[in-house]
Amino acid sequence: MATLSKPDLAAYRQSLELPFPEVVCAVVSIIGKKLTAYIGSAKDTRAVDRWMAGGEPYRDAEQRLRFAYHVVMTLREYDSPEVVQAWLMGVNPELGDRTAIRMLREDPLDIAGPLILGAVRHFALRG
């Protein structure tokens, strides 16, 4: 069960422990293959299919998708997959009017990660 101060601790732990193909499958089940491919900087969804089948990710796709798992599983605890997708793609005032999905794909995670998690926690705790 999520704690009030850190509603994302279980998702964080799972993002580290699960095999990468399971992480990808879980993310796909909530946000779909196209958005998952976008976060992983893949040209198309065939890369996502390969990752789900155990193929090696390239560049920093694994790190970004493990972080995306942390984010989407936390949000999913509080709302529907449609709301999770909308949260990722919508302009977010907590993120300086940027979209979380673009930050997940393009920004260094050591900079974007804390900002995104702060926005996730704010959403999860206050709606």
N, C-alpha and C. Protein backbone atom coordinates (compact mmCIF):
# COMPACT_ATOMS: atom_id res chain seq x y z
N MET A 1 0.84 -1.19 0.00
CA MET A 1 0.00 0.00 0.00
C MET A 1 0.87 1.24 0.00
N ALA A 2 0.48 2.26 -0.72
CA ALA A 2 1.25 3.49 -0.83
C ALA A 2 1.21 4.25 0.50
N THR A 3 2.35 4.86 0.82
CA THR A 3 2.38 5.70 2.00
C THR A 3 1.99 7.10 1.60
N LEU A 4 1.57 7.91 2.57
CA LEU A 4 1.13 9.25 2.25
C LEU A 4 2.27 10.15 1.78
N SER A 5 3.46 10.01 2.33
CA SER A 5 4.54 10.90 1.95
C SER A 5 5.22 10.50 0.66
N LYS A 6 5.29 9.21 0.37
CA LYS A 6 5.95 8.70 -0.83
C LYS A 6 5.05 7.62 -1.46
N PRO A 7 4.06 8.04 -2.22
CA PRO A 7 3.12 7.06 -2.78
C PRO A 7 3.74 6.16 -3.85
N ASP A 8 4.99 6.41 -4.19
CA ASP A 8 5.62 5.70 -5.30
C ASP A 8 6.68 4.70 -4.89
N LEU A 9 6.83 4.41 -3.62
CA LEU A 9 7.91 3.52 -3.18
C LEU A 9 7.79 2.11 -3.74
N ALA A 10 6.61 1.55 -3.79
CA ALA A 10 6.44 0.20 -4.32
C ALA A 10 6.78 0.17 -5.81
N ALA A 11 6.33 1.16 -6.55
CA ALA A 11 6.62 1.22 -7.99
C ALA A 11 8.12 1.40 -8.22
N TYR A 12 8.77 2.18 -7.39
CA TYR A 12 10.22 2.36 -7.51
C TYR A 12 10.95 1.04 -7.32
N ARG A 13 10.59 0.33 -6.28
CA ARG A 13 11.24 -0.95 -6.00
C ARG A 13 11.04 -1.94 -7.16
N GLN A 14 9.82 -2.01 -7.65
CA GLN A 14 9.52 -2.91 -8.77
C GLN A 14 10.29 -2.51 -10.02
N SER A 15 10.44 -1.21 -10.24
CA SER A 15 11.16 -0.75 -11.44
C SER A 15 12.60 -1.22 -11.44
N LEU A 16 13.16 -1.45 -10.27
CA LEU A 16 14.53 -1.93 -10.15
C LEU A 16 14.63 -3.44 -10.21
N GLU A 17 13.64 -4.13 -9.65
CA GLU A 17 13.72 -5.58 -9.49
C GLU A 17 13.21 -6.40 -10.67
N LEU A 18 12.24 -5.88 -11.39
CA LEU A 18 11.64 -6.65 -12.48
C LEU A 18 12.60 -6.78 -13.66
N PRO A 19 12.56 -7.91 -14.34
CA PRO A 19 13.33 -8.04 -15.59
C PRO A 19 12.83 -7.00 -16.60
N PHE A 20 13.74 -6.51 -17.43
CA PHE A 20 13.39 -5.46 -18.38
C PHE A 20 12.18 -5.81 -19.25
N PRO A 21 12.07 -7.03 -19.80
CA PRO A 21 10.88 -7.32 -20.62
C PRO A 21 9.56 -7.15 -19.84
N GLU A 22 9.55 -7.48 -18.56
CA GLU A 22 8.35 -7.29 -17.75
C GLU A 22 8.05 -5.81 -17.52
N VAL A 23 9.09 -5.02 -17.35
CA VAL A 23 8.92 -3.57 -17.21
C VAL A 23 8.26 -3.02 -18.47
N VAL A 24 8.78 -3.40 -19.63
CA VAL A 24 8.24 -2.90 -20.89
C VAL A 24 6.79 -3.34 -21.06
N CYS A 25 6.50 -4.60 -20.78
CA CYS A 25 5.12 -5.10 -20.90
C CYS A 25 4.16 -4.32 -20.01
N ALA A 26 4.58 -4.02 -18.80
CA ALA A 26 3.73 -3.28 -17.88
C ALA A 26 3.49 -1.86 -18.37
N VAL A 27 4.52 -1.21 -18.85
CA VAL A 27 4.38 0.16 -19.37
C VAL A 27 3.45 0.15 -20.59
N VAL A 28 3.65 -0.80 -21.49
CA VAL A 28 2.80 -0.92 -22.67
C VAL A 28 1.34 -1.14 -22.27
N SER A 29 1.11 -1.93 -21.24
CA SER A 29 -0.27 -2.22 -20.83
C SER A 29 -1.01 -0.98 -20.35
N ILE A 30 -0.28 0.03 -19.95
CA ILE A 30 -0.91 1.25 -19.45
C ILE A 30 -0.90 2.37 -20.48
N ILE A 31 0.22 2.57 -21.18
CA ILE A 31 0.30 3.71 -22.09
C ILE A 31 0.38 3.32 -23.57
N GLY A 32 0.49 2.05 -23.87
CA GLY A 32 0.52 1.60 -25.26
C GLY A 32 1.93 1.57 -25.84
N LYS A 33 2.02 0.90 -26.99
CA LYS A 33 3.33 0.72 -27.64
C LYS A 33 3.90 2.00 -28.21
N LYS A 34 3.05 2.85 -28.78
CA LYS A 34 3.57 4.08 -29.41
C LYS A 34 4.22 5.01 -28.39
N LEU A 35 3.56 5.22 -27.28
CA LEU A 35 4.15 6.10 -26.26
C LEU A 35 5.37 5.46 -25.62
N THR A 36 5.33 4.14 -25.45
CA THR A 36 6.50 3.43 -24.90
C THR A 36 7.68 3.57 -25.85
N ALA A 37 7.45 3.40 -27.15
CA ALA A 37 8.51 3.57 -28.14
C ALA A 37 9.04 5.00 -28.11
N TYR A 38 8.16 5.97 -27.97
CA TYR A 38 8.57 7.37 -27.91
C TYR A 38 9.53 7.60 -26.74
N ILE A 39 9.16 7.12 -25.56
CA ILE A 39 10.02 7.31 -24.38
C ILE A 39 11.37 6.64 -24.58
N GLY A 40 11.38 5.47 -25.20
CA GLY A 40 12.61 4.73 -25.43
C GLY A 40 13.39 5.19 -26.65
N SER A 41 12.93 6.26 -27.30
CA SER A 41 13.57 6.82 -28.50
C SER A 41 13.66 5.81 -29.64
N ALA A 42 12.68 4.94 -29.72
CA ALA A 42 12.63 3.96 -30.80
C ALA A 42 11.96 4.59 -32.01
N LYS A 43 12.37 4.16 -33.19
CA LYS A 43 11.78 4.69 -34.42
C LYS A 43 10.37 4.19 -34.64
N ASP A 44 10.09 2.97 -34.15
CA ASP A 44 8.76 2.40 -34.30
C ASP A 44 8.50 1.38 -33.20
N THR A 45 7.32 0.80 -33.23
CA THR A 45 6.91 -0.12 -32.16
C THR A 45 7.57 -1.49 -32.27
N ARG A 46 8.22 -1.78 -33.39
CA ARG A 46 8.91 -3.08 -33.50
C ARG A 46 10.00 -3.21 -32.45
N ALA A 47 10.64 -2.12 -32.10
CA ALA A 47 11.65 -2.16 -31.04
C ALA A 47 11.01 -2.56 -29.72
N VAL A 48 9.82 -2.03 -29.45
CA VAL A 48 9.11 -2.38 -28.22
C VAL A 48 8.79 -3.87 -28.21
N ASP A 49 8.36 -4.40 -29.33
CA ASP A 49 8.10 -5.84 -29.43
C ASP A 49 9.37 -6.64 -29.12
N ARG A 50 10.50 -6.20 -29.65
CA ARG A 50 11.77 -6.89 -29.37
C ARG A 50 12.12 -6.82 -27.89
N TRP A 51 11.93 -5.66 -27.27
CA TRP A 51 12.25 -5.52 -25.84
C TRP A 51 11.35 -6.42 -25.00
N MET A 52 10.08 -6.51 -25.36
CA MET A 52 9.17 -7.38 -24.61
C MET A 52 9.54 -8.85 -24.77
N ALA A 53 10.17 -9.19 -25.90
CA ALA A 53 10.59 -10.57 -26.16
C ALA A 53 11.98 -10.86 -25.60
N GLY A 54 12.60 -9.88 -24.94
CA GLY A 54 13.91 -10.10 -24.33
C GLY A 54 15.07 -9.51 -25.08
N GLY A 55 14.81 -8.76 -26.15
CA GLY A 55 15.87 -8.11 -26.91
C GLY A 55 16.56 -7.02 -26.11
N GLU A 56 17.79 -6.77 -26.45
CA GLU A 56 18.58 -5.76 -25.75
C GLU A 56 18.15 -4.35 -26.16
N PRO A 57 17.92 -3.49 -25.18
CA PRO A 57 17.62 -2.09 -25.50
C PRO A 57 18.91 -1.38 -25.91
N TYR A 58 18.77 -0.28 -26.58
CA TYR A 58 19.92 0.50 -26.98
C TYR A 58 19.95 1.83 -26.25
N ARG A 59 21.14 2.44 -26.29
CA ARG A 59 21.38 3.72 -25.62
C ARG A 59 20.85 3.66 -24.18
N ASP A 60 20.06 4.64 -23.80
CA ASP A 60 19.55 4.70 -22.43
C ASP A 60 18.08 4.32 -22.33
N ALA A 61 17.59 3.54 -23.29
CA ALA A 61 16.17 3.17 -23.31
C ALA A 61 15.77 2.42 -22.05
N GLU A 62 16.62 1.51 -21.57
CA GLU A 62 16.25 0.76 -20.38
C GLU A 62 16.09 1.67 -19.17
N GLN A 63 17.04 2.57 -18.97
CA GLN A 63 16.96 3.49 -17.84
C GLN A 63 15.70 4.35 -17.92
N ARG A 64 15.41 4.86 -19.10
CA ARG A 64 14.23 5.71 -19.26
C ARG A 64 12.92 4.94 -19.08
N LEU A 65 12.89 3.71 -19.57
CA LEU A 65 11.66 2.92 -19.43
C LEU A 65 11.48 2.40 -18.01
N ARG A 66 12.56 2.12 -17.32
CA ARG A 66 12.41 1.75 -15.90
C ARG A 66 11.88 2.95 -15.10
N PHE A 67 12.34 4.13 -15.42
CA PHE A 67 11.82 5.32 -14.76
C PHE A 67 10.36 5.55 -15.16
N ALA A 68 10.05 5.35 -16.43
CA ALA A 68 8.66 5.50 -16.88
C ALA A 68 7.75 4.52 -16.15
N TYR A 69 8.24 3.29 -15.92
CA TYR A 69 7.48 2.30 -15.14
C TYR A 69 7.16 2.88 -13.76
N HIS A 70 8.16 3.42 -13.11
CA HIS A 70 7.99 4.03 -11.79
C HIS A 70 6.87 5.07 -11.83
N VAL A 71 6.92 5.91 -12.83
CA VAL A 71 5.93 6.99 -12.97
C VAL A 71 4.54 6.43 -13.27
N VAL A 72 4.41 5.60 -14.31
CA VAL A 72 3.07 5.17 -14.72
C VAL A 72 2.43 4.24 -13.71
N MET A 73 3.21 3.40 -13.06
CA MET A 73 2.62 2.51 -12.06
C MET A 73 2.15 3.29 -10.83
N THR A 74 2.87 4.34 -10.48
CA THR A 74 2.43 5.19 -9.38
C THR A 74 1.12 5.88 -9.74
N LEU A 75 1.08 6.48 -10.91
CA LEU A 75 -0.15 7.17 -11.34
C LEU A 75 -1.31 6.20 -11.48
N ARG A 76 -1.03 4.99 -11.95
CA ARG A 76 -2.08 3.98 -12.14
C ARG A 76 -2.73 3.57 -10.82
N GLU A 77 -1.99 3.68 -9.74
CA GLU A 77 -2.56 3.38 -8.42
C GLU A 77 -3.73 4.32 -8.10
N TYR A 78 -3.74 5.49 -8.72
CA TYR A 78 -4.71 6.52 -8.37
C TYR A 78 -5.72 6.82 -9.47
N ASP A 79 -5.45 6.34 -10.71
CA ASP A 79 -6.36 6.69 -11.78
C ASP A 79 -6.28 5.68 -12.92
N SER A 80 -7.09 5.90 -13.94
CA SER A 80 -7.22 4.98 -15.07
C SER A 80 -6.05 5.13 -16.05
N PRO A 81 -5.85 4.14 -16.91
CA PRO A 81 -4.80 4.27 -17.94
C PRO A 81 -5.00 5.51 -18.82
N GLU A 82 -6.25 5.86 -19.10
CA GLU A 82 -6.51 7.04 -19.92
C GLU A 82 -6.04 8.31 -19.23
N VAL A 83 -6.24 8.40 -17.94
CA VAL A 83 -5.78 9.57 -17.19
C VAL A 83 -4.25 9.58 -17.11
N VAL A 84 -3.65 8.42 -16.95
CA VAL A 84 -2.19 8.33 -16.92
C VAL A 84 -1.62 8.84 -18.24
N GLN A 85 -2.19 8.39 -19.35
CA GLN A 85 -1.74 8.85 -20.67
C GLN A 85 -1.92 10.36 -20.81
N ALA A 86 -3.06 10.85 -20.40
CA ALA A 86 -3.32 12.29 -20.49
C ALA A 86 -2.34 13.07 -19.62
N TRP A 87 -2.03 12.55 -18.43
CA TRP A 87 -1.08 13.22 -17.54
C TRP A 87 0.29 13.29 -18.21
N LEU A 88 0.72 12.21 -18.82
CA LEU A 88 2.03 12.20 -19.48
C LEU A 88 2.10 13.17 -20.66
N MET A 89 1.02 13.28 -21.42
CA MET A 89 1.05 14.06 -22.65
C MET A 89 0.58 15.50 -22.48
N GLY A 90 -0.03 15.80 -21.35
CA GLY A 90 -0.56 17.14 -21.15
C GLY A 90 0.48 18.13 -20.64
N VAL A 91 0.29 19.38 -20.98
CA VAL A 91 1.13 20.46 -20.47
C VAL A 91 0.87 20.54 -18.97
N ASN A 92 1.94 20.45 -18.19
CA ASN A 92 1.81 20.31 -16.74
C ASN A 92 2.39 21.54 -16.04
N PRO A 93 1.57 22.27 -15.28
CA PRO A 93 2.09 23.44 -14.57
C PRO A 93 3.15 23.09 -13.53
N GLU A 94 3.10 21.86 -13.00
CA GLU A 94 4.12 21.42 -12.03
C GLU A 94 5.48 21.22 -12.69
N LEU A 95 5.49 21.11 -14.01
CA LEU A 95 6.73 20.87 -14.76
C LEU A 95 7.11 22.08 -15.60
N GLY A 96 6.71 23.25 -15.16
CA GLY A 96 7.02 24.46 -15.91
C GLY A 96 6.32 24.50 -17.25
N ASP A 97 5.09 24.00 -17.28
CA ASP A 97 4.27 23.95 -18.50
C ASP A 97 4.91 23.14 -19.62
N ARG A 98 5.60 22.08 -19.23
CA ARG A 98 6.17 21.13 -20.19
C ARG A 98 5.38 19.83 -20.06
N THR A 99 5.59 18.92 -21.01
CA THR A 99 4.94 17.61 -20.93
C THR A 99 5.92 16.61 -20.33
N ALA A 100 5.42 15.76 -19.46
CA ALA A 100 6.26 14.76 -18.81
C ALA A 100 6.84 13.79 -19.84
N ILE A 101 6.06 13.42 -20.83
CA ILE A 101 6.55 12.44 -21.80
C ILE A 101 7.74 12.96 -22.59
N ARG A 102 7.72 14.21 -22.92
CA ARG A 102 8.87 14.79 -23.64
C ARG A 102 10.09 14.86 -22.74
N MET A 103 9.88 15.21 -21.49
CA MET A 103 10.99 15.24 -20.54
C MET A 103 11.56 13.84 -20.35
N LEU A 104 10.68 12.83 -20.29
CA LEU A 104 11.14 11.44 -20.15
C LEU A 104 12.01 11.02 -21.32
N ARG A 105 11.70 11.51 -22.49
CA ARG A 105 12.45 11.12 -23.69
C ARG A 105 13.73 11.93 -23.87
N GLU A 106 13.68 13.22 -23.59
CA GLU A 106 14.75 14.11 -24.03
C GLU A 106 15.68 14.62 -22.93
N ASP A 107 15.18 14.81 -21.75
CA ASP A 107 15.98 15.47 -20.70
C ASP A 107 16.83 14.47 -19.94
N PRO A 108 17.98 14.91 -19.42
CA PRO A 108 18.76 14.02 -18.54
C PRO A 108 17.90 13.62 -17.34
N LEU A 109 17.86 12.32 -17.05
CA LEU A 109 16.98 11.85 -15.97
C LEU A 109 17.41 12.36 -14.60
N ASP A 110 18.69 12.67 -14.42
CA ASP A 110 19.10 13.19 -13.12
C ASP A 110 18.53 14.60 -12.88
N ILE A 111 18.14 15.28 -13.93
CA ILE A 111 17.52 16.60 -13.81
C ILE A 111 15.99 16.48 -13.87
N ALA A 112 15.50 15.78 -14.88
CA ALA A 112 14.05 15.67 -15.08
C ALA A 112 13.39 14.76 -14.05
N GLY A 113 14.09 13.72 -13.63
CA GLY A 113 13.50 12.73 -12.72
C GLY A 113 12.90 13.32 -11.46
N PRO A 114 13.67 14.09 -10.70
CA PRO A 114 13.10 14.67 -9.48
C PRO A 114 11.91 15.59 -9.75
N LEU A 115 11.95 16.32 -10.85
CA LEU A 115 10.83 17.21 -11.19
C LEU A 115 9.58 16.40 -11.52
N ILE A 116 9.76 15.35 -12.32
CA ILE A 116 8.62 14.51 -12.69
C ILE A 116 8.05 13.80 -11.47
N LEU A 117 8.92 13.25 -10.63
CA LEU A 117 8.43 12.56 -9.43
C LEU A 117 7.71 13.51 -8.49
N GLY A 118 8.18 14.73 -8.38
CA GLY A 118 7.48 15.72 -7.56
C GLY A 118 6.08 15.97 -8.09
N ALA A 119 5.96 16.08 -9.42
CA ALA A 119 4.65 16.30 -10.03
C ALA A 119 3.75 15.07 -9.87
N VAL A 120 4.33 13.87 -9.99
CA VAL A 120 3.57 12.64 -9.80
C VAL A 120 3.04 12.58 -8.38
N ARG A 121 3.89 12.85 -7.41
CA ARG A 121 3.48 12.80 -6.00
C ARG A 121 2.40 13.82 -5.71
N HIS A 122 2.56 15.01 -6.27
CA HIS A 122 1.55 16.05 -6.07
C HIS A 122 0.20 15.59 -6.64
N PHE A 123 0.22 15.04 -7.84
CA PHE A 123 -1.00 14.54 -8.45
C PHE A 123 -1.60 13.40 -7.66
N ALA A 124 -0.76 12.47 -7.23
CA ALA A 124 -1.24 11.30 -6.51
C ALA A 124 -1.84 11.66 -5.16
N LEU A 125 -1.25 12.61 -4.50
CA LEU A 125 -1.71 12.96 -3.16
C LEU A 125 -2.84 13.99 -3.16
N ARG A 126 -2.92 14.81 -4.20
CA ARG A 126 -3.91 15.87 -4.20
C ARG A 126 -4.89 15.80 -5.36
N GLY A 127 -4.53 15.02 -6.39
CA GLY A 127 -5.43 14.90 -7.54
C GLY A 127 -5.36 16.07 -8.49
